[in-house]
């Protein structure tokens, strides 16, 4: 039996200051959104940009890194399995 796995890679800009929550266990959770853009030329040769928003949740050590380094407007690269 095989197991399917998904891998996601996103590069985009942070849309809001991360919301950091301190859990009773002492761990942290960071919530924020990023925007990714896709640009292309339509049939008239005009540039069209589509923006998609992604809600991100980071836990533990990653949340601590987010708290320290990530802010609104910064470009970030994310990878998740």
PDB file of N, CA and C in Angstrom:
ATOM      1  N   UNK A   1       0.843  -1.169   0.000  1.00  0.00           N
ATOM      2  CA  UNK A   1       0.000   0.000   0.000  1.00  0.00           C
ATOM      3  C   UNK A   1       0.893   1.238   0.000  1.00  0.00           C
ATOM      4  N   UNK A   2       0.609   2.168  -0.883  1.00  0.00           N
ATOM      5  CA  UNK A   2       1.411   3.391  -0.941  1.00  0.00           C
ATOM      6  C   UNK A   2       0.699   4.526  -0.211  1.00  0.00           C
ATOM      7  N   UNK A   3       1.501   5.431   0.271  1.00  0.00           N
ATOM      8  CA  UNK A   3       0.973   6.596   0.970  1.00  0.00           C
ATOM      9  C   UNK A   3       1.199   7.816   0.094  1.00  0.00           C
ATOM     10  N   UNK A   4       0.159   8.600  -0.111  1.00  0.00           N
ATOM     11  CA  UNK A   4       0.286   9.826  -0.885  1.00  0.00           C
ATOM     12  C   UNK A   4       0.702  10.959   0.032  1.00  0.00           C
ATOM     13  N   UNK A   5       1.614  11.790  -0.459  1.00  0.00           N
ATOM     14  CA  UNK A   5       2.042  12.958   0.302  1.00  0.00           C
ATOM     15  C   UNK A   5       1.953  14.172  -0.598  1.00  0.00           C
ATOM     16  N   UNK A   6       1.601  15.284  -0.008  1.00  0.00           N
ATOM     17  CA  UNK A   6       1.578  16.549  -0.717  1.00  0.00           C
ATOM     18  C   UNK A   6       2.685  17.430  -0.184  1.00  0.00           C
ATOM     19  N   UNK A   7       3.253  18.217  -1.076  1.00  0.00           N
ATOM     20  CA  UNK A   7       4.267  19.189  -0.686  1.00  0.00           C
ATOM     21  C   UNK A   7       3.838  20.524  -1.268  1.00  0.00           C
ATOM     22  N   UNK A   8       3.874  21.561  -0.438  1.00  0.00           N
ATOM     23  CA  UNK A   8       3.447  22.890  -0.868  1.00  0.00           C
ATOM     24  C   UNK A   8       4.611  23.852  -0.724  1.00  0.00           C
ATOM     25  N   UNK A   9       4.850  24.643  -1.759  1.00  0.00           N
ATOM     26  CA  UNK A   9       5.840  25.710  -1.698  1.00  0.00           C
ATOM     27  C   UNK A   9       5.149  27.000  -2.109  1.00  0.00           C
ATOM     28  N   UNK A  10       5.262  28.019  -1.271  1.00  0.00           N
ATOM     29  CA  UNK A  10       4.655  29.314  -1.555  1.00  0.00           C
ATOM     30  C   UNK A  10       5.689  30.411  -1.366  1.00  0.00           C
ATOM     31  N   UNK A  11       5.700  31.365  -2.271  1.00  0.00           N
ATOM     32  CA  UNK A  11       6.500  32.579  -2.112  1.00  0.00           C
ATOM     33  C   UNK A  11       5.531  33.734  -2.284  1.00  0.00           C
ATOM     34  N   UNK A  12       5.468  34.588  -1.278  1.00  0.00           N
ATOM     35  CA  UNK A  12       4.530  35.696  -1.345  1.00  0.00           C
ATOM     36  C   UNK A  12       4.827  36.737  -0.289  1.00  0.00           C
ATOM     37  N   UNK A  13       3.905  37.690  -0.182  1.00  0.00           N
ATOM     38  CA  UNK A  13       4.066  38.786   0.764  1.00  0.00           C
ATOM     39  C   UNK A  13       3.082  38.655   1.914  1.00  0.00           C
ATOM     40  N   UNK A  14       3.585  38.931   3.117  1.00  0.00           N
ATOM     41  CA  UNK A  14       2.770  38.834   4.329  1.00  0.00           C
ATOM     42  C   UNK A  14       1.743  39.964   4.319  1.00  0.00           C
ATOM     43  N   UNK A  15       0.477  39.622   4.544  1.00  0.00           N
ATOM     44  CA  UNK A  15      -0.605  40.595   4.461  1.00  0.00           C
ATOM     45  C   UNK A  15      -0.952  41.274   5.771  1.00  0.00           C
ATOM     46  N   UNK A  16      -0.564  40.688   6.881  1.00  0.00           N
ATOM     47  CA  UNK A  16      -0.904  41.263   8.186  1.00  0.00           C
ATOM     48  C   UNK A  16       0.176  40.888   9.192  1.00  0.00           C
ATOM     49  N   UNK A  17       0.264  41.650  10.271  1.00  0.00           N
ATOM     50  CA  UNK A  17       1.214  41.288  11.321  1.00  0.00           C
ATOM     51  C   UNK A  17       0.796  39.937  11.900  1.00  0.00           C
ATOM     52  N   UNK A  18       1.732  39.033  12.090  1.00  0.00           N
ATOM     53  CA  UNK A  18       1.381  37.727  12.652  1.00  0.00           C
ATOM     54  C   UNK A  18       0.723  37.853  14.025  1.00  0.00           C
ATOM     55  N   UNK A  19      -0.298  37.043  14.245  1.00  0.00           N
ATOM     56  CA  UNK A  19      -0.984  36.972  15.542  1.00  0.00           C
ATOM     57  C   UNK A  19      -0.334  35.823  16.311  1.00  0.00           C
ATOM     58  N   UNK A  20       0.322  36.157  17.414  1.00  0.00           N
ATOM     59  CA  UNK A  20       1.041  35.163  18.208  1.00  0.00           C
ATOM     60  C   UNK A  20       0.217  34.822  19.443  1.00  0.00           C
ATOM     61  N   UNK A  21       0.016  33.525  19.671  1.00  0.00           N
ATOM     62  CA  UNK A  21      -0.709  33.050  20.850  1.00  0.00           C
ATOM     63  C   UNK A  21       0.223  32.169  21.666  1.00  0.00           C
ATOM     64  N   UNK A  22       0.281  32.435  22.969  1.00  0.00           N
ATOM     65  CA  UNK A  22       1.061  31.599  23.887  1.00  0.00           C
ATOM     66  C   UNK A  22       0.126  30.567  24.505  1.00  0.00           C
ATOM     67  N   UNK A  23       0.409  29.302  24.272  1.00  0.00           N
ATOM     68  CA  UNK A  23      -0.423  28.225  24.797  1.00  0.00           C
ATOM     69  C   UNK A  23      -0.060  27.915  26.247  1.00  0.00           C
ATOM     70  N   UNK A  24      -0.974  27.277  26.953  1.00  0.00           N
ATOM     71  CA  UNK A  24      -0.729  26.882  28.346  1.00  0.00           C
ATOM     72  C   UNK A  24       0.491  25.973  28.470  1.00  0.00           C
ATOM     73  N   UNK A  25       0.785  25.240  27.418  1.00  0.00           N
ATOM     74  CA  UNK A  25       1.927  24.315  27.424  1.00  0.00           C
ATOM     75  C   UNK A  25       3.268  25.044  27.312  1.00  0.00           C
ATOM     76  N   UNK A  26       3.211  26.363  27.046  1.00  0.00           N
ATOM     77  CA  UNK A  26       4.435  27.134  26.865  1.00  0.00           C
ATOM     78  C   UNK A  26       4.827  27.295  25.410  1.00  0.00           C
ATOM     79  N   UNK A  27       4.178  26.547  24.520  1.00  0.00           N
ATOM     80  CA  UNK A  27       4.460  26.663  23.093  1.00  0.00           C
ATOM     81  C   UNK A  27       3.702  27.850  22.507  1.00  0.00           C
ATOM     82  N   UNK A  28       4.132  28.263  21.312  1.00  0.00           N
ATOM     83  CA  UNK A  28       3.504  29.388  20.628  1.00  0.00           C
ATOM     84  C   UNK A  28       2.845  28.921  19.340  1.00  0.00           C
ATOM     85  N   UNK A  29       1.846  29.696  18.919  1.00  0.00           N
ATOM     86  CA  UNK A  29       1.192  29.509  17.632  1.00  0.00           C
ATOM     87  C   UNK A  29       1.195  30.864  16.939  1.00  0.00           C
ATOM     88  N   UNK A  30       1.571  30.887  15.665  1.00  0.00           N
ATOM     89  CA  UNK A  30       1.559  32.120  14.878  1.00  0.00           C
ATOM     90  C   UNK A  30       0.571  31.960  13.733  1.00  0.00           C
ATOM     91  N   UNK A  31      -0.297  32.959  13.553  1.00  0.00           N
ATOM     92  CA  UNK A  31      -1.260  32.953  12.450  1.00  0.00           C
ATOM     93  C   UNK A  31      -1.071  34.227  11.642  1.00  0.00           C
ATOM     94  N   UNK A  32      -1.011  34.062  10.312  1.00  0.00           N
ATOM     95  CA  UNK A  32      -0.877  35.211   9.422  1.00  0.00           C
ATOM     96  C   UNK A  32      -1.306  34.792   8.023  1.00  0.00           C
ATOM     97  N   UNK A  33      -1.397  35.748   7.115  1.00  0.00           N
ATOM     98  CA  UNK A  33      -1.769  35.429   5.742  1.00  0.00           C
ATOM     99  C   UNK A  33      -0.676  35.908   4.798  1.00  0.00           C
ATOM    100  N   UNK A  34      -0.562  35.216   3.667  1.00  0.00           N
ATOM    101  CA  UNK A  34       0.343  35.684   2.622  1.00  0.00           C
ATOM    102  C   UNK A  34      -0.411  35.725   1.296  1.00  0.00           C
ATOM    103  N   UNK A  35       0.021  36.654   0.445  1.00  0.00           N
ATOM    104  CA  UNK A  35      -0.561  36.804  -0.883  1.00  0.00           C
ATOM    105  C   UNK A  35       0.438  36.300  -1.916  1.00  0.00           C
ATOM    106  N   UNK A  36      -0.040  35.456  -2.821  1.00  0.00           N
ATOM    107  CA  UNK A  36       0.776  35.029  -3.956  1.00  0.00           C
ATOM    108  C   UNK A  36       0.137  35.592  -5.217  1.00  0.00           C
ATOM    109  N   UNK A  37       0.974  35.979  -6.165  1.00  0.00           N
ATOM    110  CA  UNK A  37       0.483  36.605  -7.389  1.00  0.00           C
ATOM    111  C   UNK A  37       0.880  35.801  -8.614  1.00  0.00           C
ATOM    112  N   UNK A  38      -0.036  35.748  -9.568  1.00  0.00           N
ATOM    113  CA  UNK A  38       0.223  35.139 -10.870  1.00  0.00           C
ATOM    114  C   UNK A  38      -0.074  36.207 -11.911  1.00  0.00           C
ATOM    115  N   UNK A  39       0.900  36.498 -12.766  1.00  0.00           N
ATOM    116  CA  UNK A  39       0.706  37.518 -13.799  1.00  0.00           C
ATOM    117  C   UNK A  39       0.832  36.888 -15.183  1.00  0.00           C
ATOM    118  N   UNK A  40       0.014  37.390 -16.107  1.00  0.00           N
ATOM    119  CA  UNK A  40       0.072  36.926 -17.490  1.00  0.00           C
ATOM    120  C   UNK A  40      -0.527  38.008 -18.378  1.00  0.00           C
ATOM    121  N   UNK A  41      -0.342  37.854 -19.692  1.00  0.00           N
ATOM    122  CA  UNK A  41      -0.940  38.792 -20.643  1.00  0.00           C
ATOM    123  C   UNK A  41      -2.179  38.151 -21.240  1.00  0.00           C
ATOM    124  N   UNK A  42      -3.250  38.924 -21.277  1.00  0.00           N
ATOM    125  CA  UNK A  42      -4.497  38.404 -21.844  1.00  0.00           C
ATOM    126  C   UNK A  42      -4.454  38.472 -23.372  1.00  0.00           C
ATOM    127  N   UNK A  43      -5.567  38.141 -24.016  1.00  0.00           N
ATOM    128  CA  UNK A  43      -5.619  38.093 -25.477  1.00  0.00           C
ATOM    129  C   UNK A  43      -5.395  39.458 -26.121  1.00  0.00           C
ATOM    130  N   UNK A  44      -5.575  40.539 -25.351  1.00  0.00           N
ATOM    131  CA  UNK A  44      -5.342  41.893 -25.862  1.00  0.00           C
ATOM    132  C   UNK A  44      -3.916  42.360 -25.577  1.00  0.00           C
ATOM    133  N   UNK A  45      -3.120  41.500 -24.935  1.00  0.00           N
ATOM    134  CA  UNK A  45      -1.751  41.857 -24.614  1.00  0.00           C
ATOM    135  C   UNK A  45      -1.605  42.664 -23.338  1.00  0.00           C
ATOM    136  N   UNK A  46      -2.699  42.796 -22.589  1.00  0.00           N
ATOM    137  CA  UNK A  46      -2.658  43.558 -21.341  1.00  0.00           C
ATOM    138  C   UNK A  46      -2.293  42.638 -20.175  1.00  0.00           C
ATOM    139  N   UNK A  47      -1.507  43.189 -19.258  1.00  0.00           N
ATOM    140  CA  UNK A  47      -1.074  42.410 -18.096  1.00  0.00           C
ATOM    141  C   UNK A  47      -2.240  42.227 -17.127  1.00  0.00           C
ATOM    142  N   UNK A  48      -2.430  40.987 -16.700  1.00  0.00           N
ATOM    143  CA  UNK A  48      -3.464  40.643 -15.722  1.00  0.00           C
ATOM    144  C   UNK A  48      -2.768  39.984 -14.534  1.00  0.00           C
ATOM    145  N   UNK A  49      -3.108  40.421 -13.328  1.00  0.00           N
ATOM    146  CA  UNK A  49      -2.528  39.827 -12.121  1.00  0.00           C
ATOM    147  C   UNK A  49      -3.637  39.253 -11.260  1.00  0.00           C
ATOM    148  N   UNK A  50      -3.506  37.975 -10.927  1.00  0.00           N
ATOM    149  CA  UNK A  50      -4.437  37.318 -10.006  1.00  0.00           C
ATOM    150  C   UNK A  50      -3.728  37.123  -8.676  1.00  0.00           C
ATOM    151  N   UNK A  51      -4.388  37.511  -7.599  1.00  0.00           N
ATOM    152  CA  UNK A  51      -3.826  37.358  -6.260  1.00  0.00           C
ATOM    153  C   UNK A  51      -4.632  36.322  -5.498  1.00  0.00           C
ATOM    154  N   UNK A  52      -3.924  35.396  -4.852  1.00  0.00           N
ATOM    155  CA  UNK A  52      -4.568  34.417  -3.973  1.00  0.00           C
ATOM    156  C   UNK A  52      -4.026  34.609  -2.571  1.00  0.00           C
ATOM    157  N   UNK A  53      -4.937  34.539  -1.596  1.00  0.00           N
ATOM    158  CA  UNK A  53      -4.556  34.676  -0.191  1.00  0.00           C
ATOM    159  C   UNK A  53      -4.523  33.304   0.466  1.00  0.00           C
ATOM    160  N   UNK A  54      -3.510  33.088   1.296  1.00  0.00           N
ATOM    161  CA  UNK A  54      -3.315  31.817   1.992  1.00  0.00           C
ATOM    162  C   UNK A  54      -3.210  32.086   3.487  1.00  0.00           C
ATOM    163  N   UNK A  55      -4.020  31.399   4.269  1.00  0.00           N
ATOM    164  CA  UNK A  55      -3.956  31.519   5.729  1.00  0.00           C
ATOM    165  C   UNK A  55      -2.936  30.516   6.249  1.00  0.00           C
ATOM    166  N   UNK A  56      -1.984  31.004   7.023  1.00  0.00           N
ATOM    167  CA  UNK A  56      -0.869  30.194   7.503  1.00  0.00           C
ATOM    168  C   UNK A  56      -0.943  30.062   9.021  1.00  0.00           C
ATOM    169  N   UNK A  57      -0.665  28.859   9.520  1.00  0.00           N
ATOM    170  CA  UNK A  57      -0.568  28.612  10.962  1.00  0.00           C
ATOM    171  C   UNK A  57       0.761  27.911  11.202  1.00  0.00           C
ATOM    172  N   UNK A  58       1.579  28.492  12.075  1.00  0.00           N
ATOM    173  CA  UNK A  58       2.879  27.911  12.423  1.00  0.00           C
ATOM    174  C   UNK A  58       2.895  27.600  13.911  1.00  0.00           C
ATOM    175  N   UNK A  59       3.520  26.484  14.276  1.00  0.00           N
ATOM    176  CA  UNK A  59       3.535  26.007  15.663  1.00  0.00           C
ATOM    177  C   UNK A  59       4.952  25.933  16.205  1.00  0.00           C
ATOM    178  N   UNK A  60       5.092  26.030  17.514  1.00  0.00           N
ATOM    179  CA  UNK A  60       6.353  25.759  18.203  1.00  0.00           C
ATOM    180  C   UNK A  60       7.504  26.642  17.757  1.00  0.00           C
ATOM    181  N   UNK A  61       8.634  25.994  17.415  1.00  0.00           N
ATOM    182  CA  UNK A  61       9.852  26.730  17.032  1.00  0.00           C
ATOM    183  C   UNK A  61       9.624  27.602  15.805  1.00  0.00           C
ATOM    184  N   UNK A  62       8.841  27.100  14.856  1.00  0.00           N
ATOM    185  CA  UNK A  62       8.562  27.895  13.659  1.00  0.00           C
ATOM    186  C   UNK A  62       7.780  29.149  14.040  1.00  0.00           C
ATOM    187  N   UNK A  63       6.837  29.041  14.957  1.00  0.00           N
ATOM    188  CA  UNK A  63       6.082  30.213  15.426  1.00  0.00           C
ATOM    189  C   UNK A  63       7.013  31.226  16.080  1.00  0.00           C
ATOM    190  N   UNK A  64       8.010  30.750  16.802  1.00  0.00           N
ATOM    191  CA  UNK A  64       8.982  31.658  17.428  1.00  0.00           C
ATOM    192  C   UNK A  64       9.788  32.409  16.366  1.00  0.00           C
ATOM    193  N   UNK A  65      10.157  31.721  15.292  1.00  0.00           N
ATOM    194  CA  UNK A  65      10.879  32.362  14.190  1.00  0.00           C
ATOM    195  C   UNK A  65       9.988  33.401  13.518  1.00  0.00           C
ATOM    196  N   UNK A  66       8.723  33.043  13.293  1.00  0.00           N
ATOM    197  CA  UNK A  66       7.765  33.981  12.701  1.00  0.00           C
ATOM    198  C   UNK A  66       7.656  35.229  13.570  1.00  0.00           C
ATOM    199  N   UNK A  67       7.511  35.037  14.866  1.00  0.00           N
ATOM    200  CA  UNK A  67       7.371  36.168  15.790  1.00  0.00           C
ATOM    201  C   UNK A  67       8.572  37.114  15.697  1.00  0.00           C
ATOM    202  N   UNK A  68       9.749  36.552  15.522  1.00  0.00           N
ATOM    203  CA  UNK A  68      10.977  37.351  15.529  1.00  0.00           C
ATOM    204  C   UNK A  68      11.254  38.040  14.191  1.00  0.00           C
ATOM    205  N   UNK A  69      10.945  37.380  13.078  1.00  0.00           N
ATOM    206  CA  UNK A  69      11.405  37.870  11.784  1.00  0.00           C
ATOM    207  C   UNK A  69      10.327  38.267  10.774  1.00  0.00           C
ATOM    208  N   UNK A  70       9.105  37.816  10.949  1.00  0.00           N
ATOM    209  CA  UNK A  70       8.078  38.028   9.923  1.00  0.00           C
ATOM    210  C   UNK A  70       7.198  39.217  10.286  1.00  0.00           C
ATOM    211  N   UNK A  71       6.940  40.076   9.301  1.00  0.00           N
ATOM    212  CA  UNK A  71       6.075  41.229   9.516  1.00  0.00           C
ATOM    213  C   UNK A  71       5.309  41.566   8.253  1.00  0.00           C
ATOM    214  N   UNK A  72       4.312  42.407   8.400  1.00  0.00           N
ATOM    215  CA  UNK A  72       3.464  42.814   7.278  1.00  0.00           C
ATOM    216  C   UNK A  72       4.319  43.368   6.137  1.00  0.00           C
ATOM    217  N   UNK A  73       4.047  42.886   4.922  1.00  0.00           N
ATOM    218  CA  UNK A  73       4.730  43.365   3.733  1.00  0.00           C
ATOM    219  C   UNK A  73       6.000  42.618   3.377  1.00  0.00           C
ATOM    220  N   UNK A  74       6.549  41.842   4.289  1.00  0.00           N
ATOM    221  CA  UNK A  74       7.782  41.107   4.001  1.00  0.00           C
ATOM    222  C   UNK A  74       7.510  39.956   3.046  1.00  0.00           C
ATOM    223  N   UNK A  75       8.479  39.688   2.180  1.00  0.00           N
ATOM    224  CA  UNK A  75       8.379  38.531   1.298  1.00  0.00           C
ATOM    225  C   UNK A  75       8.885  37.307   2.051  1.00  0.00           C
ATOM    226  N   UNK A  76       8.132  36.219   1.966  1.00  0.00           N
ATOM    227  CA  UNK A  76       8.506  34.986   2.641  1.00  0.00           C
ATOM    228  C   UNK A  76       8.399  33.817   1.672  1.00  0.00           C
ATOM    229  N   UNK A  77       9.184  32.794   1.947  1.00  0.00           N
ATOM    230  CA  UNK A  77       9.099  31.530   1.219  1.00  0.00           C
ATOM    231  C   UNK A  77       8.740  30.463   2.239  1.00  0.00           C
ATOM    232  N   UNK A  78       7.688  29.702   1.956  1.00  0.00           N
ATOM    233  CA  UNK A  78       7.205  28.669   2.865  1.00  0.00           C
ATOM    234  C   UNK A  78       7.205  27.320   2.161  1.00  0.00           C
ATOM    235  N   UNK A  79       7.492  26.288   2.930  1.00  0.00           N
ATOM    236  CA  UNK A  79       7.412  24.928   2.406  1.00  0.00           C
ATOM    237  C   UNK A  79       6.804  24.045   3.477  1.00  0.00           C
ATOM    238  N   UNK A  80       5.867  23.219   3.085  1.00  0.00           N
ATOM    239  CA  UNK A  80       5.207  22.326   4.047  1.00  0.00           C
ATOM    240  C   UNK A  80       4.938  20.984   3.386  1.00  0.00           C
ATOM    241  N   UNK A  81       4.963  19.941   4.200  1.00  0.00           N
ATOM    242  CA  UNK A  81       4.631  18.590   3.722  1.00  0.00           C
ATOM    243  C   UNK A  81       3.365  18.149   4.412  1.00  0.00           C
TER     244      UNK A  81
END
